Amino acid sequence: MFDLPSWYGFSNAFFYREVVLIPVAVVFFYYLWMRLVRTVFREEASGEGGPRTISIEEAYLDAIVNEEMASDIDEGQEEQEEYSDGEGEEKKEK
């Protein structure tokens, strides 16, 4: 009465493999991911690689220097715009 349509064409062995292979694949990829994460954290802790950590003072000074450099670049672009006539050619000073 509740027989599946005959056109599906899957055998019981196929479903068994799916039921077994999907959890095995999940466990395998979980193992690989955890091993990768453990290796990266171990390298960072030993100082062999990975991003360098900085103190709050260093980060603050770095931000100030970057802001000053960006404002200098912006000022240079504004000066160039003042001396241009709108078509990209510089005006000659008299």
C-alpha atoms as a PDB file:
ATOM      1  CA  MET A   1       0.000   0.000   0.000  1.00  0.00           C
ATOM      2  CA  PHE A   2       2.749   2.465   0.926  1.00  0.00           C
ATOM      3  CA  ASP A   3       5.241   1.131  -1.568  1.00  0.00           C
ATOM      4  CA  LEU A   4       7.680   3.729  -2.893  1.00  0.00           C
ATOM      5  CA  PRO A   5       7.450   4.480  -6.591  1.00  0.00           C
ATOM      6  CA  SER A   6       9.391   2.014  -8.677  1.00  0.00           C
ATOM      7  CA  TRP A   7      11.289   4.766 -10.548  1.00  0.00           C
ATOM      8  CA  TYR A   8      13.508   5.808  -7.622  1.00  0.00           C
ATOM      9  CA  GLY A   9      16.089   3.099  -8.400  1.00  0.00           C
ATOM     10  CA  PHE A  10      18.018   3.105  -5.098  1.00  0.00           C
ATOM     11  CA  SER A  11      18.875  -0.120  -3.366  1.00  0.00           C
ATOM     12  CA  ASN A  12      19.051  -0.732   0.361  1.00  0.00           C
ATOM     13  CA  ALA A  13      22.843  -0.937   0.122  1.00  0.00           C
ATOM     14  CA  PHE A  14      22.939   2.638  -1.168  1.00  0.00           C
ATOM     15  CA  PHE A  15      20.955   3.924   1.810  1.00  0.00           C
ATOM     16  CA  TYR A  16      23.117   1.902   4.207  1.00  0.00           C
ATOM     17  CA  ARG A  17      26.268   3.474   2.760  1.00  0.00           C
ATOM     18  CA  GLU A  18      24.748   6.933   3.108  1.00  0.00           C
ATOM     19  CA  VAL A  19      23.805   6.314   6.736  1.00  0.00           C
ATOM     20  CA  VAL A  20      27.313   5.100   7.533  1.00  0.00           C
ATOM     21  CA  LEU A  21      29.444   7.374   5.339  1.00  0.00           C
ATOM     22  CA  ILE A  22      27.926  10.722   6.330  1.00  0.00           C
ATOM     23  CA  PRO A  23      28.675  10.383  10.082  1.00  0.00           C
ATOM     24  CA  VAL A  24      32.122   8.963   9.322  1.00  0.00           C
ATOM     25  CA  ALA A  25      32.886  11.916   7.038  1.00  0.00           C
ATOM     26  CA  VAL A  26      31.684  14.383   9.679  1.00  0.00           C
ATOM     27  CA  VAL A  27      33.916  12.801  12.325  1.00  0.00           C
ATOM     28  CA  PHE A  28      36.892  12.747   9.933  1.00  0.00           C
ATOM     29  CA  PHE A  29      36.579  16.426   8.984  1.00  0.00           C
ATOM     30  CA  TYR A  30      36.037  17.380  12.636  1.00  0.00           C
ATOM     31  CA  TYR A  31      39.294  15.611  13.510  1.00  0.00           C
ATOM     32  CA  LEU A  32      41.187  17.394  10.721  1.00  0.00           C
ATOM     33  CA  TRP A  33      39.811  20.793  11.730  1.00  0.00           C
ATOM     34  CA  MET A  34      40.677  20.339  15.416  1.00  0.00           C
ATOM     35  CA  ARG A  35      44.167  19.202  14.515  1.00  0.00           C
ATOM     36  CA  LEU A  36      44.664  22.283  12.325  1.00  0.00           C
ATOM     37  CA  VAL A  37      43.431  24.609  15.071  1.00  0.00           C
ATOM     38  CA  ARG A  38      45.659  22.946  17.679  1.00  0.00           C
ATOM     39  CA  THR A  39      48.710  23.293  15.418  1.00  0.00           C
ATOM     40  CA  VAL A  40      48.068  26.989  14.729  1.00  0.00           C
ATOM     41  CA  PHE A  41      47.620  27.827  18.422  1.00  0.00           C
ATOM     42  CA  ARG A  42      50.743  25.871  19.329  1.00  0.00           C
ATOM     43  CA  GLU A  43      52.780  27.844  16.742  1.00  0.00           C
ATOM     44  CA  GLU A  44      51.431  31.150  18.048  1.00  0.00           C
ATOM     45  CA  ALA A  45      52.243  30.217  21.645  1.00  0.00           C
ATOM     46  CA  SER A  46      55.795  29.181  20.814  1.00  0.00           C
ATOM     47  CA  GLY A  47      56.403  32.315  18.734  1.00  0.00           C
ATOM     48  CA  GLU A  48      57.308  30.455  15.557  1.00  0.00           C
ATOM     49  CA  GLY A  49      54.662  32.029  13.402  1.00  0.00           C
ATOM     50  CA  GLY A  50      51.307  33.640  13.296  1.00  0.00           C
ATOM     51  CA  PRO A  51      50.339  37.199  13.990  1.00  0.00           C
ATOM     52  CA  ARG A  52      52.440  39.254  16.399  1.00  0.00           C
ATOM     53  CA  THR A  53      50.620  40.534  19.457  1.00  0.00           C
ATOM     54  CA  ILE A  54      51.119  44.137  20.504  1.00  0.00           C
ATOM     55  CA  SER A  55      50.332  46.056  23.653  1.00  0.00           C
ATOM     56  CA  ILE A  56      47.611  48.690  23.955  1.00  0.00           C
ATOM     57  CA  GLU A  57      50.189  51.494  23.935  1.00  0.00           C
ATOM     58  CA  GLU A  58      51.729  50.214  20.702  1.00  0.00           C
ATOM     59  CA  ALA A  59      48.298  49.929  19.097  1.00  0.00           C
ATOM     60  CA  TYR A  60      47.420  53.481  20.169  1.00  0.00           C
ATOM     61  CA  LEU A  61      50.669  54.923  18.783  1.00  0.00           C
ATOM     62  CA  ASP A  62      50.217  52.956  15.558  1.00  0.00           C
ATOM     63  CA  ALA A  63      46.704  54.363  15.148  1.00  0.00           C
ATOM     64  CA  ILE A  64      47.957  57.928  15.671  1.00  0.00           C
ATOM     65  CA  VAL A  65      50.727  57.483  13.094  1.00  0.00           C
ATOM     66  CA  ASN A  66      48.306  55.971  10.545  1.00  0.00           C
ATOM     67  CA  GLU A  67      45.843  58.824  11.085  1.00  0.00           C
ATOM     68  CA  GLU A  68      48.557  61.443  10.576  1.00  0.00           C
ATOM     69  CA  MET A  69      49.753  59.739   7.400  1.00  0.00           C
ATOM     70  CA  ALA A  70      46.206  59.578   6.034  1.00  0.00           C
ATOM     71  CA  SER A  71      45.575  63.255   6.803  1.00  0.00           C
ATOM     72  CA  ASP A  72      48.851  64.236   5.069  1.00  0.00           C
ATOM     73  CA  ILE A  73      47.792  62.330   1.965  1.00  0.00           C
ATOM     74  CA  ASP A  74      44.341  63.973   2.035  1.00  0.00           C
ATOM     75  CA  GLU A  75      45.909  67.444   2.349  1.00  0.00           C
ATOM     76  CA  GLY A  76      48.156  66.732  -0.632  1.00  0.00           C
ATOM     77  CA  GLN A  77      45.153  65.765  -2.753  1.00  0.00           C
ATOM     78  CA  GLU A  78      43.270  68.929  -1.740  1.00  0.00           C
ATOM     79  CA  GLU A  79      46.235  71.105  -2.745  1.00  0.00           C
ATOM     80  CA  GLN A  80      46.381  69.437  -6.151  1.00  0.00           C
ATOM     81  CA  GLU A  81      42.661  70.083  -6.667  1.00  0.00           C
ATOM     82  CA  GLU A  82      43.146  73.806  -5.868  1.00  0.00           C
ATOM     83  CA  TYR A  83      45.761  74.186  -8.588  1.00  0.00           C
ATOM     84  CA  SER A  84      43.818  72.338 -11.279  1.00  0.00           C
ATOM     85  CA  ASP A  85      41.344  74.009 -13.600  1.00  0.00           C
ATOM     86  CA  GLY A  86      38.855  71.141 -13.540  1.00  0.00           C
ATOM     87  CA  GLU A  87      40.140  69.399 -16.654  1.00  0.00           C
ATOM     88  CA  GLY A  88      43.108  67.821 -14.948  1.00  0.00           C
ATOM     89  CA  GLU A  89      45.625  70.398 -16.227  1.00  0.00           C
ATOM     90  CA  GLU A  90      47.529  72.431 -13.692  1.00  0.00           C
ATOM     91  CA  LYS A  91      47.352  76.208 -13.825  1.00  0.00           C
ATOM     92  CA  LYS A  92      50.601  78.055 -14.213  1.00  0.00           C
ATOM     93  CA  GLU A  93      51.516  80.404 -11.423  1.00  0.00           C
ATOM     94  CA  LYS A  94      52.385  83.939 -12.569  1.00  0.00           C
END
